[in-house]
Amino acid sequence: MTKTIKIEHQTSYSYGAELAYAVLQLRLSPVSTMGQVLQDWQCYIQGGKEEFTFTDQNGNLVKLITSDPDINAIEIKATGTVEVLETDGVAGEIACSTPTWFFKNQTRLTDLRNLSDNFRSKCGEDIGSIGWLHSLSAEINDKVRYKTAETETNSSALDAVQKGLGVCQDHTHIFIGCCRSVGIPSRYVSGYLLLDEIEHQTAMHAWAEAFVPSLGWVGFDVSNGVSPDTKYVRIAQGRDYRDVAPVRGSIFGGLEEVMSVNLIVQQQ
């Protein structure tokens, strides 16, 4: 079974004064993997230009852009279609220069200190098995209720656990933190999710992957309690959100920034 998904993702930044200069990295371009086939994809920039494209250490396609002179707005539009294949959540191996063992290391956004015990204690003794990982996902979903506007992009897993509230980014960081606390390589994945009867969305989606030796990388969407299927388009993977942020860089001048997002995800 396959699905062809069309995506239009527009992000606009406006500023209270003219920018002196901006250098941004865009991680908004999918690549073909064992679970998806890229059919077409384009990125359009208004108020800036693409300098070059490279593949980062995590295997993500990155576009480096710079701003045009004397502008007070930048608009980035990523659009295209991807055919998604059913793999039962198994991503397998994705080419990157970062070794698997590196994803055992905690980051500021994933480190739960001793609070990971609160989630792992009811998952059984077969640590790292598919059943154990699904149990962990369910425990996190049960203990940290999904609610928007309670955390921010720089919030850590610890912040969300202490609040008992969060969104997909927080669920993903908590899952990763719990896995790494027992030596399981795990990583953060950003992408798009095709929703039933909802084409207009407000943000990209996030899920986790854990490394299972017999299968490779296996995905877990904690917020929805499933492994990724043909509704999921992957864009980037990394240690945590900071490695996969869709737009990241340095801006000089411009004073206040206002961001708006227009995202449409639909089946073809």
C-alpha atoms as a PDB file:
ATOM      1  CA  MET A   1       0.000   0.000   0.000  1.00  0.00           C
ATOM      2  CA  THR A   2       1.283   3.482  -0.848  1.00  0.00           C
ATOM      3  CA  LYS A   3       0.071   7.061  -0.614  1.00  0.00           C
ATOM      4  CA  THR A   4       1.121  10.085  -2.644  1.00  0.00           C
ATOM      5  CA  ILE A   5       1.171  13.186  -0.461  1.00  0.00           C
ATOM      6  CA  LYS A   6       1.380  16.782  -1.657  1.00  0.00           C
ATOM      7  CA  ILE A   7       2.809  19.415   0.667  1.00  0.00           C
ATOM      8  CA  GLU A   8       2.821  23.207   0.513  1.00  0.00           C
ATOM      9  CA  HIS A   9       4.688  24.782   3.405  1.00  0.00           C
ATOM     10  CA  GLN A  10       5.115  28.558   3.501  1.00  0.00           C
ATOM     11  CA  THR A  11       6.925  30.365   6.316  1.00  0.00           C
ATOM     12  CA  SER A  12       7.038  34.166   6.380  1.00  0.00           C
ATOM     13  CA  TYR A  13       9.191  36.389   8.575  1.00  0.00           C
ATOM     14  CA  SER A  14       8.567  40.126   8.839  1.00  0.00           C
ATOM     15  CA  TYR A  15      10.693  42.633  10.728  1.00  0.00           C
ATOM     16  CA  GLY A  16      10.156  46.030  12.292  1.00  0.00           C
ATOM     17  CA  ALA A  17      13.147  47.479  10.449  1.00  0.00           C
ATOM     18  CA  GLU A  18      15.369  46.585   7.519  1.00  0.00           C
ATOM     19  CA  LEU A  19      17.643  43.609   7.973  1.00  0.00           C
ATOM     20  CA  ALA A  20      21.367  44.191   7.927  1.00  0.00           C
ATOM     21  CA  TYR A  21      22.090  40.575   7.017  1.00  0.00           C
ATOM     22  CA  ALA A  22      20.735  37.065   7.527  1.00  0.00           C
ATOM     23  CA  VAL A  23      22.258  33.619   7.023  1.00  0.00           C
ATOM     24  CA  LEU A  24      19.836  30.707   7.397  1.00  0.00           C
ATOM     25  CA  GLN A  25      19.945  26.942   7.076  1.00  0.00           C
ATOM     26  CA  LEU A  26      16.793  25.289   5.734  1.00  0.00           C
ATOM     27  CA  ARG A  27      15.974  21.665   6.542  1.00  0.00           C
ATOM     28  CA  LEU A  28      12.785  21.469   4.517  1.00  0.00           C
ATOM     29  CA  SER A  29      13.687  19.025   1.742  1.00  0.00           C
ATOM     30  CA  PRO A  30      12.863  15.298   1.859  1.00  0.00           C
ATOM     31  CA  VAL A  31      15.048  12.629   0.289  1.00  0.00           C
ATOM     32  CA  SER A  32      14.155   9.179  -1.023  1.00  0.00           C
ATOM     33  CA  THR A  33      14.529   6.352   1.521  1.00  0.00           C
ATOM     34  CA  MET A  34      13.289   2.769   1.848  1.00  0.00           C
ATOM     35  CA  GLY A  35      10.000   4.251   3.092  1.00  0.00           C
ATOM     36  CA  GLN A  36       9.400   7.069   0.620  1.00  0.00           C
ATOM     37  CA  VAL A  37      10.104   8.090  -2.965  1.00  0.00           C
ATOM     38  CA  LEU A  38      10.588  11.762  -3.789  1.00  0.00           C
ATOM     39  CA  GLN A  39       8.594  12.675  -6.887  1.00  0.00           C
ATOM     40  CA  ASP A  40       9.246  16.418  -7.056  1.00  0.00           C
ATOM     41  CA  TRP A  41      10.259  19.142  -4.626  1.00  0.00           C
ATOM     42  CA  GLN A  42      11.110  22.830  -4.842  1.00  0.00           C
ATOM     43  CA  CYS A  43      12.087  25.556  -2.398  1.00  0.00           C
ATOM     44  CA  TYR A  44      11.348  29.189  -3.284  1.00  0.00           C
ATOM     45  CA  ILE A  45      12.874  32.150  -1.477  1.00  0.00           C
ATOM     46  CA  GLN A  46      11.633  35.733  -1.537  1.00  0.00           C
ATOM     47  CA  GLY A  47      13.862  38.330   0.076  1.00  0.00           C
ATOM     48  CA  GLY A  48      16.927  36.127  -0.192  1.00  0.00           C
ATOM     49  CA  LYS A  49      18.798  33.623  -2.340  1.00  0.00           C
ATOM     50  CA  GLU A  50      20.157  30.111  -2.078  1.00  0.00           C
ATOM     51  CA  GLU A  51      23.950  30.031  -1.821  1.00  0.00           C
ATOM     52  CA  PHE A  52      24.474  26.260  -1.915  1.00  0.00           C
ATOM     53  CA  THR A  53      23.069  22.890  -0.799  1.00  0.00           C
ATOM     54  CA  PHE A  54      24.829  20.257   1.284  1.00  0.00           C
ATOM     55  CA  THR A  55      24.133  17.070   3.218  1.00  0.00           C
ATOM     56  CA  ASP A  56      24.806  17.365   6.946  1.00  0.00           C
ATOM     57  CA  GLN A  57      26.278  14.756   9.292  1.00  0.00           C
ATOM     58  CA  ASN A  58      22.830  13.269   9.940  1.00  0.00           C
ATOM     59  CA  GLY A  59      22.032  12.722   6.253  1.00  0.00           C
ATOM     60  CA  ASN A  60      19.709  15.739   5.954  1.00  0.00           C
ATOM     61  CA  LEU A  61      19.572  17.888   2.838  1.00  0.00           C
ATOM     62  CA  VAL A  62      20.323  21.478   3.880  1.00  0.00           C
ATOM     63  CA  LYS A  63      19.990  24.687   1.867  1.00  0.00           C
ATOM     64  CA  LEU A  64      22.033  27.701   2.961  1.00  0.00           C
ATOM     65  CA  ILE A  65      20.379  31.029   2.113  1.00  0.00           C
ATOM     66  CA  THR A  66      21.325  34.664   2.626  1.00  0.00           C
ATOM     67  CA  SER A  67      19.082  37.713   2.707  1.00  0.00           C
ATOM     68  CA  ASP A  68      18.869  40.376   0.008  1.00  0.00           C
ATOM     69  CA  PRO A  69      19.988  43.915   0.919  1.00  0.00           C
ATOM     70  CA  ASP A  70      17.550  46.354   2.547  1.00  0.00           C
ATOM     71  CA  ILE A  71      14.569  44.061   3.064  1.00  0.00           C
ATOM     72  CA  ASN A  72      12.191  43.708   6.001  1.00  0.00           C
ATOM     73  CA  ALA A  73      10.622  40.352   5.105  1.00  0.00           C
ATOM     74  CA  ILE A  74      11.719  36.849   4.061  1.00  0.00           C
ATOM     75  CA  GLU A  75       9.346  34.242   2.667  1.00  0.00           C
ATOM     76  CA  ILE A  76      10.274  30.563   2.312  1.00  0.00           C
ATOM     77  CA  LYS A  77       8.034  28.143   0.423  1.00  0.00           C
ATOM     78  CA  ALA A  78       8.709  24.407   0.202  1.00  0.00           C
ATOM     79  CA  THR A  79       6.383  22.380  -1.996  1.00  0.00           C
ATOM     80  CA  GLY A  80       6.244  19.026  -3.748  1.00  0.00           C
ATOM     81  CA  THR A  81       4.950  15.460  -3.724  1.00  0.00           C
ATOM     82  CA  VAL A  82       6.249  12.316  -2.056  1.00  0.00           C
ATOM     83  CA  GLU A  83       5.102   8.713  -2.485  1.00  0.00           C
ATOM     84  CA  VAL A  84       5.092   6.973   0.911  1.00  0.00           C
ATOM     85  CA  LEU A  85       5.475   3.193   1.223  1.00  0.00           C
ATOM     86  CA  GLU A  86       4.202   0.933   4.008  1.00  0.00           C
ATOM     87  CA  THR A  87       7.141  -0.353   6.074  1.00  0.00           C
ATOM     88  CA  ASP A  88       5.370  -0.985   9.421  1.00  0.00           C
ATOM     89  CA  GLY A  89       7.362   1.825  10.988  1.00  0.00           C
ATOM     90  CA  VAL A  90      10.754   0.373  10.068  1.00  0.00           C
ATOM     91  CA  ALA A  91      13.067   3.024   8.618  1.00  0.00           C
ATOM     92  CA  GLY A  92      16.023   0.639   8.394  1.00  0.00           C
ATOM     93  CA  GLU A  93      19.369   2.269   7.683  1.00  0.00           C
ATOM     94  CA  ILE A  94      19.600   5.845   6.409  1.00  0.00           C
ATOM     95  CA  ALA A  95      22.970   6.941   5.050  1.00  0.00           C
ATOM     96  CA  CYS A  96      24.729   9.422   7.321  1.00  0.00           C
ATOM     97  CA  SER A  97      28.195   9.944   8.723  1.00  0.00           C
ATOM     98  CA  THR A  98      27.029   9.978  12.361  1.00  0.00           C
ATOM     99  CA  PRO A  99      27.619   6.538  13.945  1.00  0.00           C
ATOM    100  CA  THR A 100      24.690   4.809  15.633  1.00  0.00           C
ATOM    101  CA  TRP A 101      26.376   4.829  19.066  1.00  0.00           C
ATOM    102  CA  PHE A 102      26.449   8.643  19.017  1.00  0.00           C
ATOM    103  CA  PHE A 103      22.655   8.650  19.421  1.00  0.00           C
ATOM    104  CA  LYS A 104      23.066   7.129  22.895  1.00  0.00           C
ATOM    105  CA  ASN A 105      24.270  10.510  24.181  1.00  0.00           C
ATOM    106  CA  GLN A 106      21.833  12.770  26.001  1.00  0.00           C
ATOM    107  CA  THR A 107      21.440  16.441  25.063  1.00  0.00           C
ATOM    108  CA  ARG A 108      20.038  19.346  27.067  1.00  0.00           C
ATOM    109  CA  LEU A 109      16.662  18.802  25.407  1.00  0.00           C
ATOM    110  CA  THR A 110      16.461  15.047  26.111  1.00  0.00           C
ATOM    111  CA  ASP A 111      18.098  14.555  29.523  1.00  0.00           C
ATOM    112  CA  LEU A 112      15.445  13.606  32.113  1.00  0.00           C
ATOM    113  CA  ARG A 113      17.924  12.948  34.946  1.00  0.00           C
ATOM    114  CA  ASN A 114      16.279  10.377  37.233  1.00  0.00           C
ATOM    115  CA  LEU A 115      12.719  11.063  36.001  1.00  0.00           C
ATOM    116  CA  SER A 116      13.024   8.515  33.196  1.00  0.00           C
ATOM    117  CA  ASP A 117      12.352   5.835  35.848  1.00  0.00           C
ATOM    118  CA  ASN A 118       8.773   7.132  36.093  1.00  0.00           C
ATOM    119  CA  PHE A 119       8.124   5.957  32.526  1.00  0.00           C
ATOM    120  CA  ARG A 120      10.336   2.869  32.292  1.00  0.00           C
ATOM    121  CA  SER A 121       9.215   1.147  35.499  1.00  0.00           C
ATOM    122  CA  LYS A 122       6.051  -0.354  33.951  1.00  0.00           C
ATOM    123  CA  CYS A 123       7.524  -1.369  30.583  1.00  0.00           C
ATOM    124  CA  GLY A 124       8.764  -4.833  31.533  1.00  0.00           C
ATOM    125  CA  GLU A 125      12.226  -6.362  31.541  1.00  0.00           C
ATOM    126  CA  ASP A 126      12.789  -6.958  27.811  1.00  0.00           C
ATOM    127  CA  ILE A 127      14.496  -3.584  27.421  1.00  0.00           C
ATOM    128  CA  GLY A 128      14.854  -2.437  23.814  1.00  0.00           C
ATOM    129  CA  SER A 129      12.376  -4.903  22.315  1.00  0.00           C
ATOM    130  CA  ILE A 130       9.541  -3.689  20.069  1.00  0.00           C
ATOM    131  CA  GLY A 131       7.010  -4.473  22.798  1.00  0.00           C
ATOM    132  CA  TRP A 132       9.023  -2.591  25.410  1.00  0.00           C
ATOM    133  CA  LEU A 133       9.350   0.446  23.140  1.00  0.00           C
ATOM    134  CA  HIS A 134       5.596   0.521  22.436  1.00  0.00           C
ATOM    135  CA  SER A 135       4.923   0.255  26.174  1.00  0.00           C
ATOM    136  CA  LEU A 136       7.276   3.167  26.794  1.00  0.00           C
ATOM    137  CA  SER A 137       5.474   5.234  24.160  1.00  0.00           C
ATOM    138  CA  ALA A 138       2.111   4.491  25.816  1.00  0.00           C
ATOM    139  CA  GLU A 139       3.418   5.400  29.275  1.00  0.00           C
ATOM    140  CA  ILE A 140       4.648   8.777  28.036  1.00  0.00           C
ATOM    141  CA  ASN A 141       1.381   9.491  26.245  1.00  0.00           C
ATOM    142  CA  ASP A 142      -0.540   8.640  29.421  1.00  0.00           C
ATOM    143  CA  LYS A 143       1.579  10.721  31.796  1.00  0.00           C
ATOM    144  CA  VAL A 144       2.226  13.803  29.617  1.00  0.00           C
ATOM    145  CA  ARG A 145      -1.043  15.034  28.157  1.00  0.00           C
ATOM    146  CA  TYR A 146      -1.016  16.571  24.675  1.00  0.00           C
ATOM    147  CA  LYS A 147      -1.747  20.288  24.915  1.00  0.00           C
ATOM    148  CA  THR A 148      -0.541  23.130  22.722  1.00  0.00           C
ATOM    149  CA  ALA A 149       0.903  26.465  23.891  1.00  0.00           C
ATOM    150  CA  GLU A 150       2.343  24.982  27.103  1.00  0.00           C
ATOM    151  CA  THR A 151       5.921  24.566  25.858  1.00  0.00           C
ATOM    152  CA  GLU A 152       8.209  26.243  23.312  1.00  0.00           C
ATOM    153  CA  THR A 153      10.720  25.017  20.745  1.00  0.00           C
ATOM    154  CA  ASN A 154      13.559  25.429  23.260  1.00  0.00           C
ATOM    155  CA  SER A 155      11.698  23.583  26.051  1.00  0.00           C
ATOM    156  CA  SER A 156      13.356  20.398  27.272  1.00  0.00           C
ATOM    157  CA  ALA A 157      11.908  16.983  28.010  1.00  0.00           C
ATOM    158  CA  LEU A 158      12.380  17.779  31.686  1.00  0.00           C
ATOM    159  CA  ASP A 159      10.267  20.943  31.335  1.00  0.00           C
ATOM    160  CA  ALA A 160       7.401  18.981  29.748  1.00  0.00           C
ATOM    161  CA  VAL A 161       7.521  16.164  32.315  1.00  0.00           C
ATOM    162  CA  GLN A 162       7.427  18.628  35.199  1.00  0.00           C
ATOM    163  CA  LYS A 163       4.373  20.313  33.632  1.00  0.00           C
ATOM    164  CA  GLY A 164       2.733  17.056  32.626  1.00  0.00           C
ATOM    165  CA  LEU A 165       1.821  18.726  29.338  1.00  0.00           C
ATOM    166  CA  GLY A 166       3.367  19.068  25.906  1.00  0.00           C
ATOM    167  CA  VAL A 167       3.157  18.507  22.166  1.00  0.00           C
ATOM    168  CA  CYS A 168       4.747  16.070  19.715  1.00  0.00           C
ATOM    169  CA  GLN A 169       8.180  17.675  20.103  1.00  0.00           C
ATOM    170  CA  ASP A 170       8.054  17.146  23.870  1.00  0.00           C
ATOM    171  CA  HIS A 171       6.755  13.566  23.614  1.00  0.00           C
ATOM    172  CA  THR A 172       9.581  12.813  21.198  1.00  0.00           C
ATOM    173  CA  HIS A 173      12.268  14.297  23.453  1.00  0.00           C
ATOM    174  CA  ILE A 174      10.939  12.350  26.452  1.00  0.00           C
ATOM    175  CA  PHE A 175      10.932   9.057  24.511  1.00  0.00           C
ATOM    176  CA  ILE A 176      14.481   9.696  23.316  1.00  0.00           C
ATOM    177  CA  GLY A 177      15.630  10.594  26.832  1.00  0.00           C
ATOM    178  CA  CYS A 178      14.161   7.404  28.291  1.00  0.00           C
ATOM    179  CA  CYS A 179      15.743   5.234  25.598  1.00  0.00           C
ATOM    180  CA  ARG A 180      19.159   6.824  25.976  1.00  0.00           C
ATOM    181  CA  SER A 181      18.988   6.399  29.764  1.00  0.00           C
ATOM    182  CA  VAL A 182      19.239   2.620  29.228  1.00  0.00           C
ATOM    183  CA  GLY A 183      21.718   2.744  26.353  1.00  0.00           C
ATOM    184  CA  ILE A 184      19.312   2.514  23.400  1.00  0.00           C
ATOM    185  CA  PRO A 185      20.327   4.704  20.425  1.00  0.00           C
ATOM    186  CA  SER A 186      17.409   6.973  19.591  1.00  0.00           C
ATOM    187  CA  ARG A 187      16.860  10.048  17.478  1.00  0.00           C
ATOM    188  CA  TYR A 188      14.425  12.820  16.596  1.00  0.00           C
ATOM    189  CA  VAL A 189      12.600  12.882  13.242  1.00  0.00           C
ATOM    190  CA  SER A 190      10.785  15.858  11.739  1.00  0.00           C
ATOM    191  CA  GLY A 191       8.287  15.652   8.921  1.00  0.00           C
ATOM    192  CA  TYR A 192       4.699  15.987   7.843  1.00  0.00           C
ATOM    193  CA  LEU A 193       1.605  14.019   8.859  1.00  0.00           C
ATOM    194  CA  LEU A 194      -1.424  13.556   6.622  1.00  0.00           C
ATOM    195  CA  LEU A 195      -4.465  14.116   8.856  1.00  0.00           C
ATOM    196  CA  ASP A 196      -7.961  12.829   8.200  1.00  0.00           C
ATOM    197  CA  GLU A 197     -10.148  15.634   6.806  1.00  0.00           C
ATOM    198  CA  ILE A 198      -7.690  18.347   7.941  1.00  0.00           C
ATOM    199  CA  GLU A 199      -5.520  19.746   5.161  1.00  0.00           C
ATOM    200  CA  HIS A 200      -4.561  23.089   6.705  1.00  0.00           C
ATOM    201  CA  GLN A 201      -2.145  22.674   9.597  1.00  0.00           C
ATOM    202  CA  THR A 202      -0.136  24.974  11.846  1.00  0.00           C
ATOM    203  CA  ALA A 203       3.188  23.133  12.214  1.00  0.00           C
ATOM    204  CA  MET A 204       5.314  20.193  11.141  1.00  0.00           C
ATOM    205  CA  HIS A 205       5.135  16.904  13.035  1.00  0.00           C
ATOM    206  CA  ALA A 206       7.747  15.041  15.088  1.00  0.00           C
ATOM    207  CA  TRP A 207       8.321  11.433  16.105  1.00  0.00           C
ATOM    208  CA  ALA A 208      11.128   9.319  17.524  1.00  0.00           C
ATOM    209  CA  GLU A 209      13.165   6.426  16.193  1.00  0.00           C
ATOM    210  CA  ALA A 210      14.911   3.794  18.286  1.00  0.00           C
ATOM    211  CA  PHE A 211      17.600   1.460  16.997  1.00  0.00           C
ATOM    212  CA  VAL A 212      16.600  -2.217  17.158  1.00  0.00           C
ATOM    213  CA  PRO A 213      19.564  -4.400  16.113  1.00  0.00           C
ATOM    214  CA  SER A 214      17.456  -6.908  14.128  1.00  0.00           C
ATOM    215  CA  LEU A 215      15.547  -4.205  12.215  1.00  0.00           C
ATOM    216  CA  GLY A 216      17.540  -0.982  12.214  1.00  0.00           C
ATOM    217  CA  TRP A 217      15.764   2.278  13.041  1.00  0.00           C
ATOM    218  CA  VAL A 218      12.093   1.901  14.028  1.00  0.00           C
ATOM    219  CA  GLY A 219       9.696   4.843  14.396  1.00  0.00           C
ATOM    220  CA  PHE A 220       7.350   5.664  17.295  1.00  0.00           C
ATOM    221  CA  ASP A 221       4.856   8.519  17.187  1.00  0.00           C
ATOM    222  CA  VAL A 222       4.179   8.938  20.894  1.00  0.00           C
ATOM    223  CA  SER A 223       1.525  11.631  20.464  1.00  0.00           C
ATOM    224  CA  ASN A 224      -0.659   9.374  18.282  1.00  0.00           C
ATOM    225  CA  GLY A 225       0.317   6.029  19.805  1.00  0.00           C
ATOM    226  CA  VAL A 226       1.402   4.435  16.518  1.00  0.00           C
ATOM    227  CA  SER A 227       4.442   3.674  14.411  1.00  0.00           C
ATOM    228  CA  PRO A 228       4.711   5.819  11.251  1.00  0.00           C
ATOM    229  CA  ASP A 229       2.781   4.530   8.247  1.00  0.00           C
ATOM    230  CA  THR A 230       1.908   5.862   4.802  1.00  0.00           C
ATOM    231  CA  LYS A 231       0.620   9.132   6.278  1.00  0.00           C
ATOM    232  CA  TYR A 232       4.121  10.216   7.340  1.00  0.00           C
ATOM    233  CA  VAL A 233       6.655  12.105   5.207  1.00  0.00           C
ATOM    234  CA  ARG A 234      10.090  12.337   6.819  1.00  0.00           C
ATOM    235  CA  ILE A 235      12.225  15.430   6.311  1.00  0.00           C
ATOM    236  CA  ALA A 236      15.155  15.300   8.735  1.00  0.00           C
ATOM    237  CA  GLN A 237      16.635  13.359  11.641  1.00  0.00           C
ATOM    238  CA  GLY A 238      19.061  14.237  14.423  1.00  0.00           C
ATOM    239  CA  ARG A 239      19.894  14.161  18.128  1.00  0.00           C
ATOM    240  CA  ASP A 240      17.016  16.477  19.072  1.00  0.00           C
ATOM    241  CA  TYR A 241      14.906  19.323  17.668  1.00  0.00           C
ATOM    242  CA  ARG A 242      17.919  21.617  17.248  1.00  0.00           C
ATOM    243  CA  ASP A 243      19.423  19.250  14.654  1.00  0.00           C
ATOM    244  CA  VAL A 244      16.268  19.267  12.521  1.00  0.00           C
ATOM    245  CA  ALA A 245      14.842  22.786  12.968  1.00  0.00           C
ATOM    246  CA  PRO A 246      13.296  23.724   9.595  1.00  0.00           C
ATOM    247  CA  VAL A 247      14.816  27.221   9.669  1.00  0.00           C
ATOM    248  CA  ARG A 248      17.848  28.068  11.763  1.00  0.00           C
ATOM    249  CA  GLY A 249      20.580  30.678  11.547  1.00  0.00           C
ATOM    250  CA  SER A 250      21.694  34.200  12.368  1.00  0.00           C
ATOM    251  CA  ILE A 251      19.897  37.480  11.724  1.00  0.00           C
ATOM    252  CA  PHE A 252      21.424  40.923  12.196  1.00  0.00           C
ATOM    253  CA  GLY A 253      19.212  43.975  12.539  1.00  0.00           C
ATOM    254  CA  GLY A 254      15.516  43.943  11.807  1.00  0.00           C
ATOM    255  CA  LEU A 255      14.417  44.475  15.430  1.00  0.00           C
ATOM    256  CA  GLU A 256      11.209  42.538  16.211  1.00  0.00           C
ATOM    257  CA  GLU A 257      10.404  39.392  14.237  1.00  0.00           C
ATOM    258  CA  VAL A 258       6.914  38.148  13.417  1.00  0.00           C
ATOM    259  CA  MET A 259       6.569  34.652  11.951  1.00  0.00           C
ATOM    260  CA  SER A 260       3.547  33.171  10.186  1.00  0.00           C
ATOM    261  CA  VAL A 261       3.071  29.650   8.791  1.00  0.00           C
ATOM    262  CA  ASN A 262       0.731  28.352   6.101  1.00  0.00           C
ATOM    263  CA  LEU A 263       0.914  24.561   5.757  1.00  0.00           C
ATOM    264  CA  ILE A 264      -1.223  22.306   3.568  1.00  0.00           C
ATOM    265  CA  VAL A 265      -0.798  18.505   3.583  1.00  0.00           C
ATOM    266  CA  GLN A 266      -3.117  16.555   1.277  1.00  0.00           C
ATOM    267  CA  GLN A 267      -3.354  13.189  -0.448  1.00  0.00           C
ATOM    268  CA  GLN A 268      -3.114  13.190  -4.223  1.00  0.00           C
END
